[in-house]
Structures are given as structure tokens and as C-alpha cells.
Amino acid sequence: MIEVKNITAAYGKATVLRELSVRFAPGRVTALLGPNGCGKSTLLRAVMGFMPVSGGEILLQGEPIAGLGRKALARRIAWLPQENLCPDHMTLGELIELAGSGRTPLFGGPSAAERQRFREVLATVGLADSAEVRVNTLSGGMRQRAWVAMVLAQDTDIILMDEPVNHLDIKYQYRLLKLIRTLSDQHGKTIVVVLHDLNLAAAFADDVVMLRNGRLEAAGSVREIVTADTLRQVFDIPAAVFERGGRLVCQPYPDPGDIEVAGREEGE
């Protein structure tokens, strides 16, 4: 259980999160949704201790995260930010080995079991034959899969991902989100993932947390929260929400007035 209790966070004088409280249920996939700038990434950074907060606290299984050391936190939570950098000389295999640093002694190296896990996650993301390739020579989509592999190789009970399907084509978007589902269903992982695609969230998440202007707008199961009323409230756009093949489908559409205005502008 990750529990955020009444926190506020700001970049200088710009407040991003405002007295926010939310819980992420264990063993479930939670999609974090909301308009650009609403505080999704800031919330994950605050959980990881990268963003100072004022007031309130963040708890991990009832224990304040602020009291955990970085190495102890790395053994419990894996973190994938939006943007990642590594030295030009680093190979994919070397990058993946960094995933074991939270469990490896200062002067030790990965165990045989860890190396086997590293090979397995590379195969999972479609990079089994690229261990000797320098990371920065990979295409944008392949680099993103490399960083996802590093997070998976960390083998923690909790995974936080900030827009992990960014830069991926539709095949690997679905492959990655299907993997996330498997990690939760078969291995009990707790996964919080920032997404922008409402249909991907509806298809793969158990729960949804929606933010707006740094505040919690809605939280609960996908079927409770992904409704036309909630989408209008959070995103300021009407949408049809219907079921197709056992899954919810979201179809945003513009207001009729917007269509009329656009038509007049085109005719001018």
C-alpha cells in the first residue's frame, strides 16, 4: 500500500499539488490520468522522494517513505521517469545490470540468477540480441524499451511508470501494457502508470486516479470512474463511453458549437 496523505508540492512559487490525498491499492494496476500539468509526474516524483512536499506525509505499508534510505527504497520501488540519460559508452547489458545495484554488495556483482533475469527481461521487451549494443545508438522506441527492461529487472514489488508507452508504436504499447497486466495478475505487483490514452487505461488498468489542477478529482475502479460525466469534469470535453468486447471504449467528441465555429472559420 502506498498512501499519500494531504501533501502539497511546488516548483518555486508555483504550487502543483494541493493538499492531495490518495491511496494506491496493493497488487493492482492503477492508471494515473489527467490534463497536462495537473501534477501526475509530480505526484510520482514526490512518492520517490525526488520532490519536496510541505505538510502531510507519504507512507509505504504504513512506514514514512521519508525515513527510508535510497538503497532501501530501490529494493521496494522501481521508478521509470519520462526522460532518461546514460553515458554514450554504456551498452544495453551494462544498463540492465544497474538494476541489481540495490541488492548487490558494494564490491560484488550480479548473481547467476540475476543475470538470468536480465536476459529474460531483454527478451520480454524484444531486445534479446542487443545486449552489446550501446544504448544511445538505439532508436527512440528501442531506447524506451531498454529503460523499461531495466525497471523490470529491478524486480521490486512496486513499479511506478511515468508515460512508459511514450515513443512506442502500437505493437509495443500493447505488449508492454500486457506485460504490466501479467506482472500484477500473476506476480502480485503493485503498478502505478501515467497514461494519456483513455482507452489504454480502460483496457489494462484495474483502478483509475484522475487529477485536475493538482487536486484529486476521482479515484476508484475503471468502471466506476471512466464515465462520460467524469471525463467532461476532468478533461473539459464530452465523450461517449460504451462497452465493446467486454472492455470500455472512450470516444471523445467536440461540442456541436465547436463544430459550427470551425465550419464558419473554414468558410471565411
C-alpha atoms as a PDB file:
ATOM      1  CA  MET A   1       0.000   0.000   0.000  1.00  0.00           C
ATOM      2  CA  ILE A   2       1.208   3.471  -0.927  1.00  0.00           C
ATOM      3  CA  GLU A   3      -0.736   6.161   0.882  1.00  0.00           C
ATOM      4  CA  VAL A   4      -0.366   9.866   0.163  1.00  0.00           C
ATOM      5  CA  LYS A   5      -1.834  11.988   2.928  1.00  0.00           C
ATOM      6  CA  ASN A   6      -2.631  15.663   2.453  1.00  0.00           C
ATOM      7  CA  ILE A   7       0.571  16.712   0.672  1.00  0.00           C
ATOM      8  CA  THR A   8       1.347  19.976  -1.106  1.00  0.00           C
ATOM      9  CA  ALA A   9       4.215  20.341  -3.576  1.00  0.00           C
ATOM     10  CA  ALA A  10       5.527  23.329  -5.513  1.00  0.00           C
ATOM     11  CA  TYR A  11       8.177  24.323  -8.018  1.00  0.00           C
ATOM     12  CA  GLY A  12       9.317  27.615  -6.552  1.00  0.00           C
ATOM     13  CA  LYS A  13       6.185  29.708  -6.126  1.00  0.00           C
ATOM     14  CA  ALA A  14       4.119  27.543  -8.480  1.00  0.00           C
ATOM     15  CA  THR A  15       2.051  25.085  -6.441  1.00  0.00           C
ATOM     16  CA  VAL A  16       1.481  21.855  -8.367  1.00  0.00           C
ATOM     17  CA  LEU A  17      -0.129  19.536  -5.806  1.00  0.00           C
ATOM     18  CA  ARG A  18      -2.659  20.976  -3.377  1.00  0.00           C
ATOM     19  CA  GLU A  19      -3.465  19.086  -0.156  1.00  0.00           C
ATOM     20  CA  LEU A  20      -3.615  15.847  -2.114  1.00  0.00           C
ATOM     21  CA  SER A  21      -4.581  12.530  -0.550  1.00  0.00           C
ATOM     22  CA  VAL A  22      -4.796   9.232  -2.446  1.00  0.00           C
ATOM     23  CA  ARG A  23      -4.148   5.520  -1.932  1.00  0.00           C
ATOM     24  CA  PHE A  24      -2.735   3.050  -4.430  1.00  0.00           C
ATOM     25  CA  ALA A  25      -4.060  -0.425  -3.702  1.00  0.00           C
ATOM     26  CA  PRO A  26      -1.561  -3.322  -3.463  1.00  0.00           C
ATOM     27  CA  GLY A  27      -1.431  -5.918  -6.215  1.00  0.00           C
ATOM     28  CA  ARG A  28      -3.362  -3.784  -8.711  1.00  0.00           C
ATOM     29  CA  VAL A  29      -2.629  -1.687 -11.787  1.00  0.00           C
ATOM     30  CA  THR A  30      -3.594   1.952 -11.306  1.00  0.00           C
ATOM     31  CA  ALA A  31      -3.674   4.381 -14.237  1.00  0.00           C
ATOM     32  CA  LEU A  32      -2.884   7.975 -13.277  1.00  0.00           C
ATOM     33  CA  LEU A  33      -4.794  10.293 -15.626  1.00  0.00           C
ATOM     34  CA  GLY A  34      -5.474  13.975 -16.071  1.00  0.00           C
ATOM     35  CA  PRO A  35      -4.779  17.010 -18.276  1.00  0.00           C
ATOM     36  CA  ASN A  36      -1.229  18.156 -18.955  1.00  0.00           C
ATOM     37  CA  GLY A  37       0.223  19.985 -15.964  1.00  0.00           C
ATOM     38  CA  CYS A  38      -2.246  18.553 -13.454  1.00  0.00           C
ATOM     39  CA  GLY A  39       0.503  17.035 -11.280  1.00  0.00           C
ATOM     40  CA  LYS A  40       0.713  13.393 -12.377  1.00  0.00           C
ATOM     41  CA  SER A  41       4.504  13.290 -12.767  1.00  0.00           C
ATOM     42  CA  THR A  42       4.988  15.477  -9.698  1.00  0.00           C
ATOM     43  CA  LEU A  43       2.993  13.016  -7.613  1.00  0.00           C
ATOM     44  CA  LEU A  44       5.208  10.095  -8.646  1.00  0.00           C
ATOM     45  CA  ARG A  45       8.351  12.176  -8.023  1.00  0.00           C
ATOM     46  CA  ALA A  46       7.043  13.038  -4.561  1.00  0.00           C
ATOM     47  CA  VAL A  47       6.477   9.345  -3.781  1.00  0.00           C
ATOM     48  CA  MET A  48      10.078   8.640  -4.821  1.00  0.00           C
ATOM     49  CA  GLY A  49      11.384  11.451  -2.629  1.00  0.00           C
ATOM     50  CA  PHE A  50      12.637  13.487  -5.599  1.00  0.00           C
ATOM     51  CA  MET A  51      10.131  16.267  -4.956  1.00  0.00           C
ATOM     52  CA  PRO A  52       9.947  18.004  -1.558  1.00  0.00           C
ATOM     53  CA  VAL A  53       6.476  18.241  -0.063  1.00  0.00           C
ATOM     54  CA  SER A  54       5.045  20.516   2.574  1.00  0.00           C
ATOM     55  CA  GLY A  55       2.571  19.167   5.055  1.00  0.00           C
ATOM     56  CA  GLY A  56       1.204  15.663   5.181  1.00  0.00           C
ATOM     57  CA  GLU A  57       3.217  12.510   4.563  1.00  0.00           C
ATOM     58  CA  ILE A  58       3.695   9.604   2.183  1.00  0.00           C
ATOM     59  CA  LEU A  59       3.539   6.095   3.621  1.00  0.00           C
ATOM     60  CA  LEU A  60       4.754   2.760   2.250  1.00  0.00           C
ATOM     61  CA  GLN A  61       2.970  -0.061   4.046  1.00  0.00           C
ATOM     62  CA  GLY A  62       2.376   2.313   6.939  1.00  0.00           C
ATOM     63  CA  GLU A  63       6.012   3.443   7.135  1.00  0.00           C
ATOM     64  CA  PRO A  64       7.010   7.022   6.189  1.00  0.00           C
ATOM     65  CA  ILE A  65       8.949   6.916   2.930  1.00  0.00           C
ATOM     66  CA  ALA A  66      10.939   9.937   4.070  1.00  0.00           C
ATOM     67  CA  GLY A  67      12.697   7.715   6.607  1.00  0.00           C
ATOM     68  CA  LEU A  68      13.920   5.168   4.062  1.00  0.00           C
ATOM     69  CA  GLY A  69      17.376   5.377   2.518  1.00  0.00           C
ATOM     70  CA  ARG A  70      17.760   5.473  -1.251  1.00  0.00           C
ATOM     71  CA  LYS A  71      19.063   1.905  -1.469  1.00  0.00           C
ATOM     72  CA  ALA A  72      16.285   0.548   0.750  1.00  0.00           C
ATOM     73  CA  LEU A  73      13.700   2.359  -1.359  1.00  0.00           C
ATOM     74  CA  ALA A  74      15.230   0.960  -4.577  1.00  0.00           C
ATOM     75  CA  ARG A  75      14.699  -2.575  -3.248  1.00  0.00           C
ATOM     76  CA  ARG A  76      10.989  -1.854  -2.824  1.00  0.00           C
ATOM     77  CA  ILE A  77      10.006   0.566  -5.598  1.00  0.00           C
ATOM     78  CA  ALA A  78      11.187   0.684  -9.220  1.00  0.00           C
ATOM     79  CA  TRP A  79      10.869   4.036 -10.986  1.00  0.00           C
ATOM     80  CA  LEU A  80      10.686   4.860 -14.694  1.00  0.00           C
ATOM     81  CA  PRO A  81      10.672   8.628 -15.399  1.00  0.00           C
ATOM     82  CA  GLN A  82       9.644  10.211 -18.686  1.00  0.00           C
ATOM     83  CA  GLU A  83      13.175  11.039 -19.805  1.00  0.00           C
ATOM     84  CA  ASN A  84      16.366   9.042 -19.195  1.00  0.00           C
ATOM     85  CA  LEU A  85      20.031   9.626 -19.946  1.00  0.00           C
ATOM     86  CA  CYS A  86      23.115   7.413 -19.870  1.00  0.00           C
ATOM     87  CA  PRO A  87      26.779   7.754 -20.956  1.00  0.00           C
ATOM     88  CA  ASP A  88      27.469   7.252 -24.661  1.00  0.00           C
ATOM     89  CA  HIS A  89      29.751   4.286 -23.966  1.00  0.00           C
ATOM     90  CA  MET A  90      27.181   2.281 -21.955  1.00  0.00           C
ATOM     91  CA  THR A  91      25.828  -0.888 -23.542  1.00  0.00           C
ATOM     92  CA  LEU A  92      22.344  -2.224 -23.022  1.00  0.00           C
ATOM     93  CA  GLY A  93      23.698  -5.130 -20.971  1.00  0.00           C
ATOM     94  CA  GLU A  94      25.554  -2.739 -18.665  1.00  0.00           C
ATOM     95  CA  LEU A  95      22.437  -0.623 -18.267  1.00  0.00           C
ATOM     96  CA  ILE A  96      20.354  -3.624 -17.255  1.00  0.00           C
ATOM     97  CA  GLU A  97      22.971  -4.693 -14.702  1.00  0.00           C
ATOM     98  CA  LEU A  98      22.418  -1.387 -12.910  1.00  0.00           C
ATOM     99  CA  ALA A  99      19.004  -2.741 -11.944  1.00  0.00           C
ATOM    100  CA  GLY A 100      20.647  -5.016  -9.386  1.00  0.00           C
ATOM    101  CA  SER A 101      22.567  -2.260  -7.618  1.00  0.00           C
ATOM    102  CA  GLY A 102      20.029  -2.083  -4.793  1.00  0.00           C
ATOM    103  CA  ARG A 103      20.728  -5.716  -3.899  1.00  0.00           C
ATOM    104  CA  THR A 104      24.383  -6.045  -4.875  1.00  0.00           C
ATOM    105  CA  PRO A 105      27.159  -5.640  -2.270  1.00  0.00           C
ATOM    106  CA  LEU A 106      29.424  -2.637  -2.771  1.00  0.00           C
ATOM    107  CA  PHE A 107      32.254  -4.747  -4.201  1.00  0.00           C
ATOM    108  CA  GLY A 108      30.138  -7.543  -5.658  1.00  0.00           C
ATOM    109  CA  GLY A 109      28.401  -8.201  -8.964  1.00  0.00           C
ATOM    110  CA  PRO A 110      25.097  -9.705 -10.112  1.00  0.00           C
ATOM    111  CA  SER A 111      24.429 -13.320  -9.193  1.00  0.00           C
ATOM    112  CA  ALA A 112      23.796 -16.022 -11.786  1.00  0.00           C
ATOM    113  CA  ALA A 113      20.071 -15.839 -11.028  1.00  0.00           C
ATOM    114  CA  GLU A 114      20.089 -12.074 -11.543  1.00  0.00           C
ATOM    115  CA  ARG A 115      21.901 -12.401 -14.860  1.00  0.00           C
ATOM    116  CA  GLN A 116      19.302 -14.919 -15.992  1.00  0.00           C
ATOM    117  CA  ARG A 117      16.544 -12.489 -15.030  1.00  0.00           C
ATOM    118  CA  PHE A 118      18.298  -9.751 -17.009  1.00  0.00           C
ATOM    119  CA  ARG A 119      18.325 -11.971 -20.108  1.00  0.00           C
ATOM    120  CA  GLU A 120      14.646 -12.766 -19.646  1.00  0.00           C
ATOM    121  CA  VAL A 121      13.529  -9.139 -19.406  1.00  0.00           C
ATOM    122  CA  LEU A 122      15.534  -8.226 -22.512  1.00  0.00           C
ATOM    123  CA  ALA A 123      13.690 -10.967 -24.369  1.00  0.00           C
ATOM    124  CA  THR A 124      10.392  -9.714 -22.960  1.00  0.00           C
ATOM    125  CA  VAL A 125      10.872  -6.240 -24.445  1.00  0.00           C
ATOM    126  CA  GLY A 126      12.167  -7.590 -27.759  1.00  0.00           C
ATOM    127  CA  LEU A 127      15.852  -6.752 -27.243  1.00  0.00           C
ATOM    128  CA  ALA A 128      17.335 -10.174 -26.555  1.00  0.00           C
ATOM    129  CA  ASP A 129      20.016  -9.776 -29.225  1.00  0.00           C
ATOM    130  CA  SER A 130      21.025  -6.218 -28.314  1.00  0.00           C
ATOM    131  CA  ALA A 131      22.898  -6.606 -25.017  1.00  0.00           C
ATOM    132  CA  GLU A 132      26.214  -5.494 -26.592  1.00  0.00           C
ATOM    133  CA  VAL A 133      24.715  -2.506 -28.389  1.00  0.00           C
ATOM    134  CA  ARG A 134      25.349   0.967 -26.974  1.00  0.00           C
ATOM    135  CA  VAL A 135      22.110   2.360 -25.590  1.00  0.00           C
ATOM    136  CA  ASN A 136      22.434   5.776 -27.210  1.00  0.00           C
ATOM    137  CA  THR A 137      22.700   4.239 -30.682  1.00  0.00           C
ATOM    138  CA  LEU A 138      19.271   2.609 -30.379  1.00  0.00           C
ATOM    139  CA  SER A 139      16.203   4.188 -31.956  1.00  0.00           C
ATOM    140  CA  GLY A 140      13.877   6.190 -29.713  1.00  0.00           C
ATOM    141  CA  GLY A 141      11.407   3.345 -29.335  1.00  0.00           C
ATOM    142  CA  MET A 142      14.129   0.775 -28.658  1.00  0.00           C
ATOM    143  CA  ARG A 143      15.706   3.050 -26.028  1.00  0.00           C
ATOM    144  CA  GLN A 144      12.371   3.314 -24.273  1.00  0.00           C
ATOM    145  CA  ARG A 145      12.077  -0.472 -24.228  1.00  0.00           C
ATOM    146  CA  ALA A 146      15.627  -0.651 -22.832  1.00  0.00           C
ATOM    147  CA  TRP A 147      14.695   1.555 -19.883  1.00  0.00           C
ATOM    148  CA  VAL A 148      11.528  -0.457 -19.306  1.00  0.00           C
ATOM    149  CA  ALA A 149      13.681  -3.599 -19.220  1.00  0.00           C
ATOM    150  CA  MET A 150      15.904  -2.014 -16.579  1.00  0.00           C
ATOM    151  CA  VAL A 151      12.887  -1.281 -14.386  1.00  0.00           C
ATOM    152  CA  LEU A 152      11.550  -4.821 -14.786  1.00  0.00           C
ATOM    153  CA  ALA A 153      14.965  -6.271 -13.968  1.00  0.00           C
ATOM    154  CA  GLN A 154      14.939  -4.381 -10.674  1.00  0.00           C
ATOM    155  CA  ASP A 155      12.328  -6.948  -9.555  1.00  0.00           C
ATOM    156  CA  THR A 156      10.525  -4.861  -6.940  1.00  0.00           C
ATOM    157  CA  ASP A 157       7.020  -5.343  -5.579  1.00  0.00           C
ATOM    158  CA  ILE A 158       6.028  -1.810  -6.621  1.00  0.00           C
ATOM    159  CA  ILE A 159       6.629  -0.177 -10.002  1.00  0.00           C
ATOM    160  CA  LEU A 160       5.979   3.479 -10.838  1.00  0.00           C
ATOM    161  CA  MET A 161       5.996   4.376 -14.545  1.00  0.00           C
ATOM    162  CA  ASP A 162       5.646   7.875 -15.982  1.00  0.00           C
ATOM    163  CA  GLU A 163       4.323   7.585 -19.556  1.00  0.00           C
ATOM    164  CA  PRO A 164       6.111   4.293 -20.348  1.00  0.00           C
ATOM    165  CA  VAL A 165       4.435   3.874 -23.736  1.00  0.00           C
ATOM    166  CA  ASN A 166       5.675   7.240 -24.960  1.00  0.00           C
ATOM    167  CA  HIS A 167       7.728   6.812 -28.195  1.00  0.00           C
ATOM    168  CA  LEU A 168       6.436   3.250 -28.685  1.00  0.00           C
ATOM    169  CA  ASP A 169       4.454   2.101 -31.686  1.00  0.00           C
ATOM    170  CA  ILE A 170       1.112   0.459 -31.071  1.00  0.00           C
ATOM    171  CA  LYS A 171       2.546  -3.086 -31.095  1.00  0.00           C
ATOM    172  CA  TYR A 172       4.913  -2.381 -28.216  1.00  0.00           C
ATOM    173  CA  GLN A 173       2.384  -0.216 -26.381  1.00  0.00           C
ATOM    174  CA  TYR A 174       0.114  -3.221 -26.158  1.00  0.00           C
ATOM    175  CA  ARG A 175       2.962  -5.638 -25.470  1.00  0.00           C
ATOM    176  CA  LEU A 176       4.229  -3.502 -22.591  1.00  0.00           C
ATOM    177  CA  LEU A 177       0.804  -2.946 -21.061  1.00  0.00           C
ATOM    178  CA  LYS A 178       0.002  -6.645 -21.414  1.00  0.00           C
ATOM    179  CA  LEU A 179       3.241  -7.353 -19.552  1.00  0.00           C
ATOM    180  CA  ILE A 180       2.202  -4.913 -16.841  1.00  0.00           C
ATOM    181  CA  ARG A 181      -1.095  -6.787 -16.528  1.00  0.00           C
ATOM    182  CA  THR A 182       0.766 -10.101 -16.226  1.00  0.00           C
ATOM    183  CA  LEU A 183       3.095  -8.745 -13.537  1.00  0.00           C
ATOM    184  CA  SER A 184       0.076  -7.741 -11.496  1.00  0.00           C
ATOM    185  CA  ASP A 185      -2.127 -10.778 -12.155  1.00  0.00           C
ATOM    186  CA  GLN A 186       0.493 -13.500 -11.815  1.00  0.00           C
ATOM    187  CA  HIS A 187       3.115 -11.921  -9.560  1.00  0.00           C
ATOM    188  CA  GLY A 188       1.086  -9.561  -7.377  1.00  0.00           C
ATOM    189  CA  LYS A 189       2.998  -6.429  -8.397  1.00  0.00           C
ATOM    190  CA  THR A 190       1.593  -3.031  -7.469  1.00  0.00           C
ATOM    191  CA  ILE A 191       1.905  -0.803 -10.535  1.00  0.00           C
ATOM    192  CA  VAL A 192       1.092   2.892 -10.950  1.00  0.00           C
ATOM    193  CA  VAL A 193       1.365   4.106 -14.528  1.00  0.00           C
ATOM    194  CA  VAL A 194       0.831   7.567 -16.014  1.00  0.00           C
ATOM    195  CA  LEU A 195      -1.079   7.308 -19.286  1.00  0.00           C
ATOM    196  CA  HIS A 196      -2.658   9.779 -21.689  1.00  0.00           C
ATOM    197  CA  ASP A 197      -4.684   7.312 -23.740  1.00  0.00           C
ATOM    198  CA  LEU A 198      -8.026   6.740 -22.011  1.00  0.00           C
ATOM    199  CA  ASN A 199      -8.697   3.561 -23.970  1.00  0.00           C
ATOM    200  CA  LEU A 200      -5.378   2.008 -22.961  1.00  0.00           C
ATOM    201  CA  ALA A 201      -6.166   2.851 -19.339  1.00  0.00           C
ATOM    202  CA  ALA A 202      -9.645   1.350 -19.612  1.00  0.00           C
ATOM    203  CA  ALA A 203      -8.295  -1.802 -21.257  1.00  0.00           C
ATOM    204  CA  PHE A 204      -5.375  -2.585 -18.946  1.00  0.00           C
ATOM    205  CA  ALA A 205      -5.871  -0.892 -15.560  1.00  0.00           C
ATOM    206  CA  ASP A 206      -7.819  -2.099 -12.533  1.00  0.00           C
ATOM    207  CA  ASP A 207      -8.165   1.338 -10.990  1.00  0.00           C
ATOM    208  CA  VAL A 208      -8.006   4.941 -12.152  1.00  0.00           C
ATOM    209  CA  VAL A 209      -6.859   8.051 -10.308  1.00  0.00           C
ATOM    210  CA  MET A 210      -7.733  11.333 -12.018  1.00  0.00           C
ATOM    211  CA  LEU A 211      -6.118  14.649 -11.128  1.00  0.00           C
ATOM    212  CA  ARG A 212      -7.012  18.170 -12.133  1.00  0.00           C
ATOM    213  CA  ASN A 213      -5.180  21.341 -11.114  1.00  0.00           C
ATOM    214  CA  GLY A 214      -3.162  19.455  -8.532  1.00  0.00           C
ATOM    215  CA  ARG A 215      -6.166  18.011  -6.754  1.00  0.00           C
ATOM    216  CA  LEU A 216      -7.788  14.585  -6.701  1.00  0.00           C
ATOM    217  CA  GLU A 217     -10.916  14.601  -8.847  1.00  0.00           C
ATOM    218  CA  ALA A 218     -11.823  10.920  -8.890  1.00  0.00           C
ATOM    219  CA  ALA A 219     -10.434   7.553  -7.778  1.00  0.00           C
ATOM    220  CA  GLY A 220     -11.762   4.027  -7.948  1.00  0.00           C
ATOM    221  CA  SER A 221     -12.201   1.086 -10.287  1.00  0.00           C
ATOM    222  CA  VAL A 222     -12.155   1.652 -14.048  1.00  0.00           C
ATOM    223  CA  ARG A 223     -15.875   1.008 -14.417  1.00  0.00           C
ATOM    224  CA  GLU A 224     -16.718   3.344 -11.552  1.00  0.00           C
ATOM    225  CA  ILE A 225     -14.581   6.248 -12.730  1.00  0.00           C
ATOM    226  CA  VAL A 226     -14.378   6.107 -16.537  1.00  0.00           C
ATOM    227  CA  THR A 227     -17.732   7.670 -17.301  1.00  0.00           C
ATOM    228  CA  ALA A 228     -18.885  10.431 -19.618  1.00  0.00           C
ATOM    229  CA  ASP A 229     -19.584  12.724 -16.652  1.00  0.00           C
ATOM    230  CA  THR A 230     -16.135  12.229 -15.131  1.00  0.00           C
ATOM    231  CA  LEU A 231     -14.329  12.767 -18.433  1.00  0.00           C
ATOM    232  CA  ARG A 232     -16.182  16.014 -19.005  1.00  0.00           C
ATOM    233  CA  GLN A 233     -15.403  17.120 -15.451  1.00  0.00           C
ATOM    234  CA  VAL A 234     -11.677  16.317 -15.677  1.00  0.00           C
ATOM    235  CA  PHE A 235     -10.830  16.958 -19.335  1.00  0.00           C
ATOM    236  CA  ASP A 236     -13.453  19.567 -20.291  1.00  0.00           C
ATOM    237  CA  ILE A 237     -14.632  17.559 -23.290  1.00  0.00           C
ATOM    238  CA  PRO A 238     -17.744  15.462 -23.831  1.00  0.00           C
ATOM    239  CA  ALA A 239     -17.243  11.786 -24.557  1.00  0.00           C
ATOM    240  CA  ALA A 240     -19.239   8.675 -25.235  1.00  0.00           C
ATOM    241  CA  VAL A 241     -18.275   5.707 -23.041  1.00  0.00           C
ATOM    242  CA  PHE A 242     -19.572   2.296 -24.118  1.00  0.00           C
ATOM    243  CA  GLU A 243     -18.654  -1.362 -23.855  1.00  0.00           C
ATOM    244  CA  ARG A 244     -17.200  -3.322 -26.757  1.00  0.00           C
ATOM    245  CA  GLY A 245     -15.858  -6.861 -26.451  1.00  0.00           C
ATOM    246  CA  GLY A 246     -16.010  -6.731 -22.665  1.00  0.00           C
ATOM    247  CA  ARG A 247     -13.954  -3.502 -22.468  1.00  0.00           C
ATOM    248  CA  LEU A 248     -14.918   0.106 -22.025  1.00  0.00           C
ATOM    249  CA  VAL A 249     -14.305   2.339 -25.026  1.00  0.00           C
ATOM    250  CA  CYS A 250     -13.974   6.120 -24.734  1.00  0.00           C
ATOM    251  CA  GLN A 251     -14.870   8.256 -27.742  1.00  0.00           C
ATOM    252  CA  PRO A 252     -14.330  11.974 -27.082  1.00  0.00           C
ATOM    253  CA  TYR A 253     -16.126  14.342 -29.433  1.00  0.00           C
ATOM    254  CA  PRO A 254     -16.277  18.122 -29.733  1.00  0.00           C
ATOM    255  CA  ASP A 255     -19.236  20.205 -28.692  1.00  0.00           C
ATOM    256  CA  PRO A 256     -21.635  20.893 -31.576  1.00  0.00           C
ATOM    257  CA  GLY A 257     -20.870  24.585 -31.092  1.00  0.00           C
ATOM    258  CA  ASP A 258     -17.181  23.914 -31.682  1.00  0.00           C
ATOM    259  CA  ILE A 259     -18.000  22.207 -34.990  1.00  0.00           C
ATOM    260  CA  GLU A 260     -20.125  25.159 -36.063  1.00  0.00           C
ATOM    261  CA  VAL A 261     -17.388  27.645 -35.191  1.00  0.00           C
ATOM    262  CA  ALA A 262     -14.780  25.581 -37.061  1.00  0.00           C
ATOM    263  CA  GLY A 263     -17.052  25.422 -40.107  1.00  0.00           C
ATOM    264  CA  ARG A 264     -17.527  29.180 -40.168  1.00  0.00           C
ATOM    265  CA  GLU A 265     -13.770  29.766 -39.829  1.00  0.00           C
ATOM    266  CA  GLU A 266     -13.031  27.450 -42.771  1.00  0.00           C
ATOM    267  CA  GLY A 267     -15.577  29.301 -44.917  1.00  0.00           C
ATOM    268  CA  GLU A 268     -14.160  32.729 -44.139  1.00  0.00           C
END
